[in-house]
Amino acid sequence: WALFAVAMLFWSTGMILSAWQDLSGQVASDATYFPISPISC
């Protein structure tokens, strides 16, 4: 459950960066999306 919580933390961080990128026009890093799958697995 702790590992899955960390994956959810990465997911929410990625969503925040994605929102910032889309709504402000800035370019965010996609690095936060990569750890989600391995941690949840």
PDB file of all heavy atoms in Angstrom:
ATOM      1  N   TRP A   1       0.831  -1.215   0.000  1.00  0.00           N
ATOM      2  CA  TRP A   1       0.000   0.000   0.000  1.00  0.00           C
ATOM      3  C   TRP A   1       0.858   1.254   0.000  1.00  0.00           C
ATOM      4  O   TRP A   1       0.513   2.256  -0.632  1.00  0.00           O
ATOM      5  CB  TRP A   1      -0.954  -0.002   1.188  1.00  0.00           C
ATOM      6  CG  TRP A   1      -2.117  -0.917   0.962  1.00  0.00           C
ATOM      7  CD1 TRP A   1      -2.380  -2.077   1.625  1.00  0.00           C
ATOM      8  CD2 TRP A   1      -3.156  -0.758   0.007  1.00  0.00           C
ATOM      9  NE1 TRP A   1      -3.524  -2.650   1.127  1.00  0.00           N
ATOM     10  CE2 TRP A   1      -4.021  -1.860   0.136  1.00  0.00           C
ATOM     11  CE3 TRP A   1      -3.441   0.190  -0.964  1.00  0.00           C
ATOM     12  CZ2 TRP A   1      -5.160  -2.029  -0.654  1.00  0.00           C
ATOM     13  CZ3 TRP A   1      -4.572   0.024  -1.757  1.00  0.00           C
ATOM     14  CH2 TRP A   1      -5.415  -1.068  -1.599  1.00  0.00           C
ATOM     15  N   ALA A   2       1.986   1.220   0.689  1.00  0.00           N
ATOM     16  CA  ALA A   2       2.873   2.386   0.700  1.00  0.00           C
ATOM     17  C   ALA A   2       3.458   2.642  -0.692  1.00  0.00           C
ATOM     18  O   ALA A   2       3.544   3.791  -1.133  1.00  0.00           O
ATOM     19  CB  ALA A   2       3.992   2.187   1.720  1.00  0.00           C
ATOM     20  N   LEU A   3       3.842   1.576  -1.391  1.00  0.00           N
ATOM     21  CA  LEU A   3       4.363   1.740  -2.748  1.00  0.00           C
ATOM     22  C   LEU A   3       3.286   2.278  -3.690  1.00  0.00           C
ATOM     23  O   LEU A   3       3.556   3.119  -4.547  1.00  0.00           O
ATOM     24  CB  LEU A   3       4.896   0.406  -3.283  1.00  0.00           C
ATOM     25  CG  LEU A   3       6.247  -0.032  -2.740  1.00  0.00           C
ATOM     26  CD1 LEU A   3       6.546  -1.456  -3.181  1.00  0.00           C
ATOM     27  CD2 LEU A   3       7.337   0.905  -3.202  1.00  0.00           C
ATOM     28  N   PHE A   4       2.060   1.794  -3.524  1.00  0.00           N
ATOM     29  CA  PHE A   4       0.987   2.293  -4.369  1.00  0.00           C
ATOM     30  C   PHE A   4       0.688   3.758  -4.036  1.00  0.00           C
ATOM     31  O   PHE A   4       0.361   4.537  -4.927  1.00  0.00           O
ATOM     32  CB  PHE A   4      -0.265   1.425  -4.208  1.00  0.00           C
ATOM     33  CG  PHE A   4      -1.201   1.545  -5.362  1.00  0.00           C
ATOM     34  CD1 PHE A   4      -0.835   1.115  -6.621  1.00  0.00           C
ATOM     35  CD2 PHE A   4      -2.448   2.102  -5.195  1.00  0.00           C
ATOM     36  CE1 PHE A   4      -1.698   1.233  -7.697  1.00  0.00           C
ATOM     37  CE2 PHE A   4      -3.317   2.226  -6.264  1.00  0.00           C
ATOM     38  CZ  PHE A   4      -2.944   1.792  -7.519  1.00  0.00           C
ATOM     39  N   ALA A   5       0.822   4.146  -2.770  1.00  0.00           N
ATOM     40  CA  ALA A   5       0.642   5.551  -2.392  1.00  0.00           C
ATOM     41  C   ALA A   5       1.708   6.425  -3.061  1.00  0.00           C
ATOM     42  O   ALA A   5       1.409   7.531  -3.525  1.00  0.00           O
ATOM     43  CB  ALA A   5       0.695   5.699  -0.875  1.00  0.00           C
ATOM     44  N   VAL A   6       2.938   5.932  -3.133  1.00  0.00           N
ATOM     45  CA  VAL A   6       4.001   6.668  -3.811  1.00  0.00           C
ATOM     46  C   VAL A   6       3.671   6.821  -5.300  1.00  0.00           C
ATOM     47  O   VAL A   6       3.873   7.893  -5.889  1.00  0.00           O
ATOM     48  CB  VAL A   6       5.369   5.973  -3.604  1.00  0.00           C
ATOM     49  CG1 VAL A   6       6.440   6.570  -4.505  1.00  0.00           C
ATOM     50  CG2 VAL A   6       5.789   6.058  -2.149  1.00  0.00           C
ATOM     51  N   ALA A   7       3.129   5.766  -5.910  1.00  0.00           N
ATOM     52  CA  ALA A   7       2.729   5.850  -7.314  1.00  0.00           C
ATOM     53  C   ALA A   7       1.634   6.906  -7.500  1.00  0.00           C
ATOM     54  O   ALA A   7       1.651   7.659  -8.479  1.00  0.00           O
ATOM     55  CB  ALA A   7       2.242   4.489  -7.810  1.00  0.00           C
ATOM     56  N   MET A   8       0.699   6.979  -6.566  1.00  0.00           N
ATOM     57  CA  MET A   8      -0.353   7.998  -6.651  1.00  0.00           C
ATOM     58  C   MET A   8       0.220   9.400  -6.475  1.00  0.00           C
ATOM     59  O   MET A   8      -0.245  10.361  -7.097  1.00  0.00           O
ATOM     60  CB  MET A   8      -1.441   7.752  -5.599  1.00  0.00           C
ATOM     61  CG  MET A   8      -2.268   6.504  -5.823  1.00  0.00           C
ATOM     62  SD  MET A   8      -3.170   6.541  -7.379  1.00  0.00           S
ATOM     63  CE  MET A   8      -2.192   5.455  -8.385  1.00  0.00           C
ATOM     64  N   LEU A   9       1.249   9.531  -5.644  1.00  0.00           N
ATOM     65  CA  LEU A   9       1.919  10.820  -5.473  1.00  0.00           C
ATOM     66  C   LEU A   9       2.587  11.245  -6.781  1.00  0.00           C
ATOM     67  O   LEU A   9       2.477  12.404  -7.202  1.00  0.00           O
ATOM     68  CB  LEU A   9       2.943  10.738  -4.337  1.00  0.00           C
ATOM     69  CG  LEU A   9       3.699  12.017  -4.035  1.00  0.00           C
ATOM     70  CD1 LEU A   9       2.742  13.092  -3.535  1.00  0.00           C
ATOM     71  CD2 LEU A   9       4.781  11.752  -3.008  1.00  0.00           C
ATOM     72  N   PHE A  10       3.254  10.293  -7.454  1.00  0.00           N
ATOM     73  CA  PHE A  10       3.854  10.598  -8.748  1.00  0.00           C
ATOM     74  C   PHE A  10       2.783  10.962  -9.772  1.00  0.00           C
ATOM     75  O   PHE A  10       2.976  11.856 -10.594  1.00  0.00           O
ATOM     76  CB  PHE A  10       4.680   9.417  -9.272  1.00  0.00           C
ATOM     77  CG  PHE A  10       6.060   9.346  -8.694  1.00  0.00           C
ATOM     78  CD1 PHE A  10       6.456   8.236  -7.958  1.00  0.00           C
ATOM     79  CD2 PHE A  10       6.963  10.366  -8.879  1.00  0.00           C
ATOM     80  CE1 PHE A  10       7.724   8.148  -7.434  1.00  0.00           C
ATOM     81  CE2 PHE A  10       8.243  10.298  -8.358  1.00  0.00           C
ATOM     82  CZ  PHE A  10       8.626   9.186  -7.628  1.00  0.00           C
ATOM     83  N   TRP A  11       1.667  10.248  -9.735  1.00  0.00           N
ATOM     84  CA  TRP A  11       0.589  10.524 -10.695  1.00  0.00           C
ATOM     85  C   TRP A  11       0.033  11.931 -10.484  1.00  0.00           C
ATOM     86  O   TRP A  11      -0.153  12.687 -11.443  1.00  0.00           O
ATOM     87  CB  TRP A  11      -0.503   9.478 -10.550  1.00  0.00           C
ATOM     88  CG  TRP A  11      -1.654   9.626 -11.500  1.00  0.00           C
ATOM     89  CD1 TRP A  11      -1.697  10.341 -12.668  1.00  0.00           C
ATOM     90  CD2 TRP A  11      -2.941   9.056 -11.362  1.00  0.00           C
ATOM     91  NE1 TRP A  11      -2.931  10.231 -13.260  1.00  0.00           N
ATOM     92  CE2 TRP A  11      -3.716   9.440 -12.477  1.00  0.00           C
ATOM     93  CE3 TRP A  11      -3.535   8.236 -10.410  1.00  0.00           C
ATOM     94  CZ2 TRP A  11      -5.020   9.045 -12.648  1.00  0.00           C
ATOM     95  CZ3 TRP A  11      -4.836   7.835 -10.590  1.00  0.00           C
ATOM     96  CH2 TRP A  11      -5.563   8.246 -11.696  1.00  0.00           C
ATOM     97  N   SER A  12      -0.228  12.300  -9.239  1.00  0.00           N
ATOM     98  CA  SER A  12      -0.770  13.640  -8.986  1.00  0.00           C
ATOM     99  C   SER A  12       0.248  14.715  -9.353  1.00  0.00           C
ATOM    100  O   SER A  12      -0.124  15.763  -9.895  1.00  0.00           O
ATOM    101  CB  SER A  12      -1.223  13.779  -7.525  1.00  0.00           C
ATOM    102  OG  SER A  12      -0.154  13.568  -6.647  1.00  0.00           O
ATOM    103  N   THR A  13       1.523  14.464  -9.104  1.00  0.00           N
ATOM    104  CA  THR A  13       2.557  15.420  -9.508  1.00  0.00           C
ATOM    105  C   THR A  13       2.589  15.560 -11.023  1.00  0.00           C
ATOM    106  O   THR A  13       2.690  16.679 -11.559  1.00  0.00           O
ATOM    107  CB  THR A  13       3.935  14.973  -8.991  1.00  0.00           C
ATOM    108  OG1 THR A  13       3.882  14.828  -7.578  1.00  0.00           O
ATOM    109  CG2 THR A  13       5.016  15.966  -9.358  1.00  0.00           C
ATOM    110  N   GLY A  14       2.473  14.442 -11.723  1.00  0.00           N
ATOM    111  CA  GLY A  14       2.437  14.484 -13.183  1.00  0.00           C
ATOM    112  C   GLY A  14       1.222  15.232 -13.704  1.00  0.00           C
ATOM    113  O   GLY A  14       1.318  15.982 -14.681  1.00  0.00           O
ATOM    114  N   MET A  15       0.081  15.068 -13.052  1.00  0.00           N
ATOM    115  CA  MET A  15      -1.122  15.781 -13.473  1.00  0.00           C
ATOM    116  C   MET A  15      -0.975  17.283 -13.233  1.00  0.00           C
ATOM    117  O   MET A  15      -1.419  18.096 -14.050  1.00  0.00           O
ATOM    118  CB  MET A  15      -2.359  15.252 -12.740  1.00  0.00           C
ATOM    119  CG  MET A  15      -2.842  13.913 -13.232  1.00  0.00           C
ATOM    120  SD  MET A  15      -3.153  13.808 -15.005  1.00  0.00           S
ATOM    121  CE  MET A  15      -4.307  15.111 -15.269  1.00  0.00           C
ATOM    122  N   ILE A  16      -0.349  17.647 -12.126  1.00  0.00           N
ATOM    123  CA  ILE A  16      -0.122  19.071 -11.842  1.00  0.00           C
ATOM    124  C   ILE A  16       0.807  19.680 -12.897  1.00  0.00           C
ATOM    125  O   ILE A  16       0.546  20.769 -13.417  1.00  0.00           O
ATOM    126  CB  ILE A  16       0.433  19.258 -10.415  1.00  0.00           C
ATOM    127  CG1 ILE A  16      -0.649  18.932  -9.382  1.00  0.00           C
ATOM    128  CG2 ILE A  16       0.967  20.665 -10.209  1.00  0.00           C
ATOM    129  CD1 ILE A  16      -0.150  18.788  -7.974  1.00  0.00           C
ATOM    130  N   LEU A  17       1.871  18.957 -13.238  1.00  0.00           N
ATOM    131  CA  LEU A  17       2.784  19.453 -14.270  1.00  0.00           C
ATOM    132  C   LEU A  17       2.110  19.506 -15.634  1.00  0.00           C
ATOM    133  O   LEU A  17       2.339  20.438 -16.417  1.00  0.00           O
ATOM    134  CB  LEU A  17       4.042  18.584 -14.328  1.00  0.00           C
ATOM    135  CG  LEU A  17       5.004  18.734 -13.155  1.00  0.00           C
ATOM    136  CD1 LEU A  17       6.137  17.724 -13.271  1.00  0.00           C
ATOM    137  CD2 LEU A  17       5.541  20.139 -13.082  1.00  0.00           C
ATOM    138  N   SER A  18       1.278  18.519 -15.931  1.00  0.00           N
ATOM    139  CA  SER A  18       0.555  18.520 -17.201  1.00  0.00           C
ATOM    140  C   SER A  18      -0.422  19.687 -17.274  1.00  0.00           C
ATOM    141  O   SER A  18      -0.540  20.344 -18.318  1.00  0.00           O
ATOM    142  CB  SER A  18      -0.193  17.200 -17.370  1.00  0.00           C
ATOM    143  OG  SER A  18      -0.914  17.179 -18.566  1.00  0.00           O
ATOM    144  N   ALA A  19      -1.111  19.967 -16.182  1.00  0.00           N
ATOM    145  CA  ALA A  19      -2.033  21.108 -16.148  1.00  0.00           C
ATOM    146  C   ALA A  19      -1.266  22.413 -16.326  1.00  0.00           C
ATOM    147  O   ALA A  19      -1.700  23.298 -17.086  1.00  0.00           O
ATOM    148  CB  ALA A  19      -2.798  21.116 -14.822  1.00  0.00           C
ATOM    149  N   TRP A  20      -0.146  22.517 -15.661  1.00  0.00           N
ATOM    150  CA  TRP A  20       0.672  23.723 -15.779  1.00  0.00           C
ATOM    151  C   TRP A  20       1.133  23.910 -17.222  1.00  0.00           C
ATOM    152  O   TRP A  20       1.086  25.010 -17.774  1.00  0.00           O
ATOM    153  CB  TRP A  20       1.853  23.631 -14.826  1.00  0.00           C
ATOM    154  CG  TRP A  20       2.812  24.765 -14.927  1.00  0.00           C
ATOM    155  CD1 TRP A  20       2.571  26.081 -14.631  1.00  0.00           C
ATOM    156  CD2 TRP A  20       4.165  24.712 -15.381  1.00  0.00           C
ATOM    157  NE1 TRP A  20       3.692  26.833 -14.856  1.00  0.00           N
ATOM    158  CE2 TRP A  20       4.689  26.013 -15.314  1.00  0.00           C
ATOM    159  CE3 TRP A  20       4.983  23.682 -15.813  1.00  0.00           C
ATOM    160  CZ2 TRP A  20       5.991  26.303 -15.676  1.00  0.00           C
ATOM    161  CZ3 TRP A  20       6.281  23.970 -16.170  1.00  0.00           C
ATOM    162  CH2 TRP A  20       6.773  25.273 -16.110  1.00  0.00           C
ATOM    163  N   GLN A  21       1.545  22.816 -17.872  1.00  0.00           N
ATOM    164  CA  GLN A  21       2.007  22.885 -19.245  1.00  0.00           C
ATOM    165  C   GLN A  21       0.871  23.290 -20.183  1.00  0.00           C
ATOM    166  O   GLN A  21       1.049  24.163 -21.035  1.00  0.00           O
ATOM    167  CB  GLN A  21       2.567  21.534 -19.671  1.00  0.00           C
ATOM    168  CG  GLN A  21       3.047  21.494 -21.107  1.00  0.00           C
ATOM    169  CD  GLN A  21       3.575  20.128 -21.491  1.00  0.00           C
ATOM    170  OE1 GLN A  21       3.588  19.207 -20.692  1.00  0.00           O
ATOM    171  NE2 GLN A  21       4.012  19.990 -22.723  1.00  0.00           N
ATOM    172  N   ASP A  22      -0.281  22.664 -20.035  1.00  0.00           N
ATOM    173  CA  ASP A  22      -1.399  22.962 -20.940  1.00  0.00           C
ATOM    174  C   ASP A  22      -2.009  24.338 -20.711  1.00  0.00           C
ATOM    175  O   ASP A  22      -2.385  25.026 -21.656  1.00  0.00           O
ATOM    176  CB  ASP A  22      -2.498  21.909 -20.795  1.00  0.00           C
ATOM    177  CG  ASP A  22      -2.126  20.595 -21.444  1.00  0.00           C
ATOM    178  OD1 ASP A  22      -1.120  20.560 -22.179  1.00  0.00           O
ATOM    179  OD2 ASP A  22      -2.839  19.608 -21.205  1.00  0.00           O
ATOM    180  N   LEU A  23      -2.132  24.733 -19.458  1.00  0.00           N
ATOM    181  CA  LEU A  23      -2.846  25.973 -19.162  1.00  0.00           C
ATOM    182  C   LEU A  23      -1.964  27.212 -19.221  1.00  0.00           C
ATOM    183  O   LEU A  23      -2.460  28.314 -19.421  1.00  0.00           O
ATOM    184  CB  LEU A  23      -3.520  25.864 -17.791  1.00  0.00           C
ATOM    185  CG  LEU A  23      -4.554  24.725 -17.687  1.00  0.00           C
ATOM    186  CD1 LEU A  23      -5.074  24.608 -16.270  1.00  0.00           C
ATOM    187  CD2 LEU A  23      -5.678  24.909 -18.677  1.00  0.00           C
ATOM    188  N   SER A  24      -0.654  27.042 -19.049  1.00  0.00           N
ATOM    189  CA  SER A  24       0.224  28.209 -19.090  1.00  0.00           C
ATOM    190  C   SER A  24       1.037  28.304 -20.371  1.00  0.00           C
ATOM    191  O   SER A  24       1.631  29.336 -20.650  1.00  0.00           O
ATOM    192  CB  SER A  24       1.180  28.183 -17.892  1.00  0.00           C
ATOM    193  OG  SER A  24       2.155  27.171 -18.071  1.00  0.00           O
ATOM    194  N   GLY A  25       1.112  27.219 -21.131  1.00  0.00           N
ATOM    195  CA  GLY A  25       1.914  27.220 -22.346  1.00  0.00           C
ATOM    196  C   GLY A  25       3.369  26.898 -22.102  1.00  0.00           C
ATOM    197  O   GLY A  25       4.161  26.861 -23.038  1.00  0.00           O
ATOM    198  N   GLN A  26       3.749  26.664 -20.858  1.00  0.00           N
ATOM    199  CA  GLN A  26       5.124  26.304 -20.535  1.00  0.00           C
ATOM    200  C   GLN A  26       5.346  24.823 -20.836  1.00  0.00           C
ATOM    201  O   GLN A  26       4.411  24.049 -20.937  1.00  0.00           O
ATOM    202  CB  GLN A  26       5.418  26.575 -19.055  1.00  0.00           C
ATOM    203  CG  GLN A  26       5.226  28.005 -18.642  1.00  0.00           C
ATOM    204  CD  GLN A  26       6.227  28.939 -19.299  1.00  0.00           C
ATOM    205  OE1 GLN A  26       7.380  28.602 -19.472  1.00  0.00           O
ATOM    206  NE2 GLN A  26       5.764  30.123 -19.672  1.00  0.00           N
ATOM    207  N   VAL A  27       6.601  24.418 -20.915  1.00  0.00           N
ATOM    208  CA  VAL A  27       6.930  23.020 -21.178  1.00  0.00           C
ATOM    209  C   VAL A  27       7.365  22.373 -19.865  1.00  0.00           C
ATOM    210  O   VAL A  27       8.314  22.811 -19.230  1.00  0.00           O
ATOM    211  CB  VAL A  27       8.056  22.903 -22.227  1.00  0.00           C
ATOM    212  CG1 VAL A  27       8.431  21.456 -22.438  1.00  0.00           C
ATOM    213  CG2 VAL A  27       7.627  23.539 -23.531  1.00  0.00           C
ATOM    214  N   ALA A  28       6.636  21.325 -19.478  1.00  0.00           N
ATOM    215  CA  ALA A  28       6.965  20.595 -18.252  1.00  0.00           C
ATOM    216  C   ALA A  28       7.702  19.310 -18.619  1.00  0.00           C
ATOM    217  O   ALA A  28       7.606  18.816 -19.737  1.00  0.00           O
ATOM    218  CB  ALA A  28       5.696  20.275 -17.478  1.00  0.00           C
ATOM    219  N   SER A  29       8.392  18.766 -17.658  1.00  0.00           N
ATOM    220  CA  SER A  29       9.115  17.520 -17.871  1.00  0.00           C
ATOM    221  C   SER A  29       8.158  16.337 -17.745  1.00  0.00           C
ATOM    222  O   SER A  29       7.295  16.307 -16.879  1.00  0.00           O
ATOM    223  CB  SER A  29      10.218  17.395 -16.824  1.00  0.00           C
ATOM    224  OG  SER A  29      10.791  16.121 -16.892  1.00  0.00           O
ATOM    225  N   ASP A  30       8.333  15.354 -18.612  1.00  0.00           N
ATOM    226  CA  ASP A  30       7.530  14.141 -18.525  1.00  0.00           C
ATOM    227  C   ASP A  30       8.174  13.095 -17.620  1.00  0.00           C
ATOM    228  O   ASP A  30       7.707  11.969 -17.544  1.00  0.00           O
ATOM    229  CB  ASP A  30       7.318  13.534 -19.918  1.00  0.00           C
ATOM    230  CG  ASP A  30       6.339  14.347 -20.746  1.00  0.00           C
ATOM    231  OD1 ASP A  30       5.535  15.078 -20.132  1.00  0.00           O
ATOM    232  OD2 ASP A  30       6.373  14.236 -21.977  1.00  0.00           O
ATOM    233  N   ALA A  31       9.227  13.456 -16.925  1.00  0.00           N
ATOM    234  CA  ALA A  31       9.950  12.498 -16.092  1.00  0.00           C
ATOM    235  C   ALA A  31       9.089  11.955 -14.956  1.00  0.00           C
ATOM    236  O   ALA A  31       9.317  10.847 -14.488  1.00  0.00           O
ATOM    237  CB  ALA A  31      11.207  13.151 -15.519  1.00  0.00           C
ATOM    238  N   THR A  32       8.105  12.695 -14.507  1.00  0.00           N
ATOM    239  CA  THR A  32       7.288  12.219 -13.392  1.00  0.00           C
ATOM    240  C   THR A  32       6.330  11.111 -13.809  1.00  0.00           C
ATOM    241  O   THR A  32       5.833  10.389 -12.964  1.00  0.00           O
ATOM    242  CB  THR A  32       6.473  13.372 -12.779  1.00  0.00           C
ATOM    243  OG1 THR A  32       5.723  13.982 -13.819  1.00  0.00           O
ATOM    244  CG2 THR A  32       7.363  14.370 -12.109  1.00  0.00           C
ATOM    245  N   TYR A  33       6.065  10.964 -15.107  1.00  0.00           N
ATOM    246  CA  TYR A  33       5.150   9.908 -15.551  1.00  0.00           C
ATOM    247  C   TYR A  33       5.807   8.535 -15.552  1.00  0.00           C
ATOM    248  O   TYR A  33       5.143   7.532 -15.410  1.00  0.00           O
ATOM    249  CB  TYR A  33       4.628  10.204 -16.962  1.00  0.00           C
ATOM    250  CG  TYR A  33       3.721  11.382 -17.044  1.00  0.00           C
ATOM    251  CD1 TYR A  33       4.140  12.568 -17.643  1.00  0.00           C
ATOM    252  CD2 TYR A  33       2.450  11.335 -16.505  1.00  0.00           C
ATOM    253  CE1 TYR A  33       3.301  13.660 -17.728  1.00  0.00           C
ATOM    254  CE2 TYR A  33       1.603  12.427 -16.571  1.00  0.00           C
ATOM    255  CZ  TYR A  33       2.035  13.572 -17.192  1.00  0.00           C
ATOM    256  OH  TYR A  33       1.207  14.648 -17.261  1.00  0.00           O
ATOM    257  N   PHE A  34       7.104   8.462 -15.752  1.00  0.00           N
ATOM    258  CA  PHE A  34       7.773   7.183 -15.931  1.00  0.00           C
ATOM    259  C   PHE A  34       7.748   6.267 -14.706  1.00  0.00           C
ATOM    260  O   PHE A  34       7.585   5.073 -14.857  1.00  0.00           O
ATOM    261  CB  PHE A  34       9.211   7.396 -16.414  1.00  0.00           C
ATOM    262  CG  PHE A  34       9.286   8.057 -17.752  1.00  0.00           C
ATOM    263  CD1 PHE A  34      10.087   9.158 -17.963  1.00  0.00           C
ATOM    264  CD2 PHE A  34       8.522   7.595 -18.813  1.00  0.00           C
ATOM    265  CE1 PHE A  34      10.146   9.768 -19.202  1.00  0.00           C
ATOM    266  CE2 PHE A  34       8.570   8.210 -20.057  1.00  0.00           C
ATOM    267  CZ  PHE A  34       9.391   9.298 -20.249  1.00  0.00           C
ATOM    268  N   PRO A  35       7.925   6.745 -13.477  1.00  0.00           N
ATOM    269  CA  PRO A  35       7.963   5.819 -12.345  1.00  0.00           C
ATOM    270  C   PRO A  35       6.611   5.219 -11.966  1.00  0.00           C
ATOM    271  O   PRO A  35       6.562   4.286 -11.190  1.00  0.00           O
ATOM    272  CB  PRO A  35       8.478   6.672 -11.180  1.00  0.00           C
ATOM    273  CG  PRO A  35       8.983   7.922 -11.769  1.00  0.00           C
ATOM    274  CD  PRO A  35       8.306   8.091 -13.079  1.00  0.00           C
ATOM    275  N   ILE A  36       5.507   5.712 -12.502  1.00  0.00           N
ATOM    276  CA  ILE A  36       4.190   5.257 -12.051  1.00  0.00           C
ATOM    277  C   ILE A  36       4.005   3.765 -12.295  1.00  0.00           C
ATOM    278  O   ILE A  36       3.648   3.027 -11.393  1.00  0.00           O
ATOM    279  CB  ILE A  36       3.069   6.061 -12.733  1.00  0.00           C
ATOM    280  CG1 ILE A  36       3.144   7.511 -12.291  1.00  0.00           C
ATOM    281  CG2 ILE A  36       1.705   5.479 -12.401  1.00  0.00           C
ATOM    282  CD1 ILE A  36       2.224   8.425 -13.054  1.00  0.00           C
ATOM    283  N   SER A  37       4.235   3.298 -13.500  1.00  0.00           N
ATOM    284  CA  SER A  37       3.985   1.892 -13.819  1.00  0.00           C
ATOM    285  C   SER A  37       4.876   0.932 -13.037  1.00  0.00           C
ATOM    286  O   SER A  37       4.360  -0.024 -12.463  1.00  0.00           O
ATOM    287  CB  SER A  37       4.145   1.652 -15.316  1.00  0.00           C
ATOM    288  OG  SER A  37       3.135   2.325 -16.005  1.00  0.00           O
ATOM    289  N   PRO A  38       6.189   1.136 -12.975  1.00  0.00           N
ATOM    290  CA  PRO A  38       7.002   0.190 -12.207  1.00  0.00           C
ATOM    291  C   PRO A  38       6.637   0.160 -10.723  1.00  0.00           C
ATOM    292  O   PRO A  38       6.590  -0.917 -10.124  1.00  0.00           O
ATOM    293  CB  PRO A  38       8.439   0.692 -12.394  1.00  0.00           C
ATOM    294  CG  PRO A  38       8.406   1.551 -13.589  1.00  0.00           C
ATOM    295  CD  PRO A  38       7.021   2.098 -13.691  1.00  0.00           C
ATOM    296  N   ILE A  39       6.353   1.321 -10.141  1.00  0.00           N
ATOM    297  CA  ILE A  39       6.023   1.338  -8.711  1.00  0.00           C
ATOM    298  C   ILE A  39       4.694   0.660  -8.469  1.00  0.00           C
ATOM    299  O   ILE A  39       4.543  -0.127  -7.542  1.00  0.00           O
ATOM    300  CB  ILE A  39       6.027   2.783  -8.172  1.00  0.00           C
ATOM    301  CG1 ILE A  39       7.460   3.314  -8.144  1.00  0.00           C
ATOM    302  CG2 ILE A  39       5.423   2.841  -6.770  1.00  0.00           C
ATOM    303  CD1 ILE A  39       7.575   4.763  -7.774  1.00  0.00           C
ATOM    304  N   SER A  40       3.690   0.895  -9.334  1.00  0.00           N
ATOM    305  CA  SER A  40       2.408   0.244  -9.109  1.00  0.00           C
ATOM    306  C   SER A  40       2.482  -1.247  -9.372  1.00  0.00           C
ATOM    307  O   SER A  40       1.780  -2.006  -8.738  1.00  0.00           O
ATOM    308  CB  SER A  40       1.283   0.850  -9.924  1.00  0.00           C
ATOM    309  OG  SER A  40       1.676   1.656 -10.932  1.00  0.00           O
ATOM    310  N   CYS A  41       3.349  -1.666 -10.280  1.00  0.00           N
ATOM    311  CA  CYS A  41       3.511  -3.110 -10.495  1.00  0.00           C
ATOM    312  C   CYS A  41       4.190  -3.770  -9.298  1.00  0.00           C
ATOM    313  O   CYS A  41       3.861  -4.900  -8.949  1.00  0.00           O
ATOM    314  CB  CYS A  41       4.326  -3.367 -11.754  1.00  0.00           C
ATOM    315  SG  CYS A  41       3.425  -2.984 -13.260  1.00  0.00           S
TER     316      CYS A  41
END
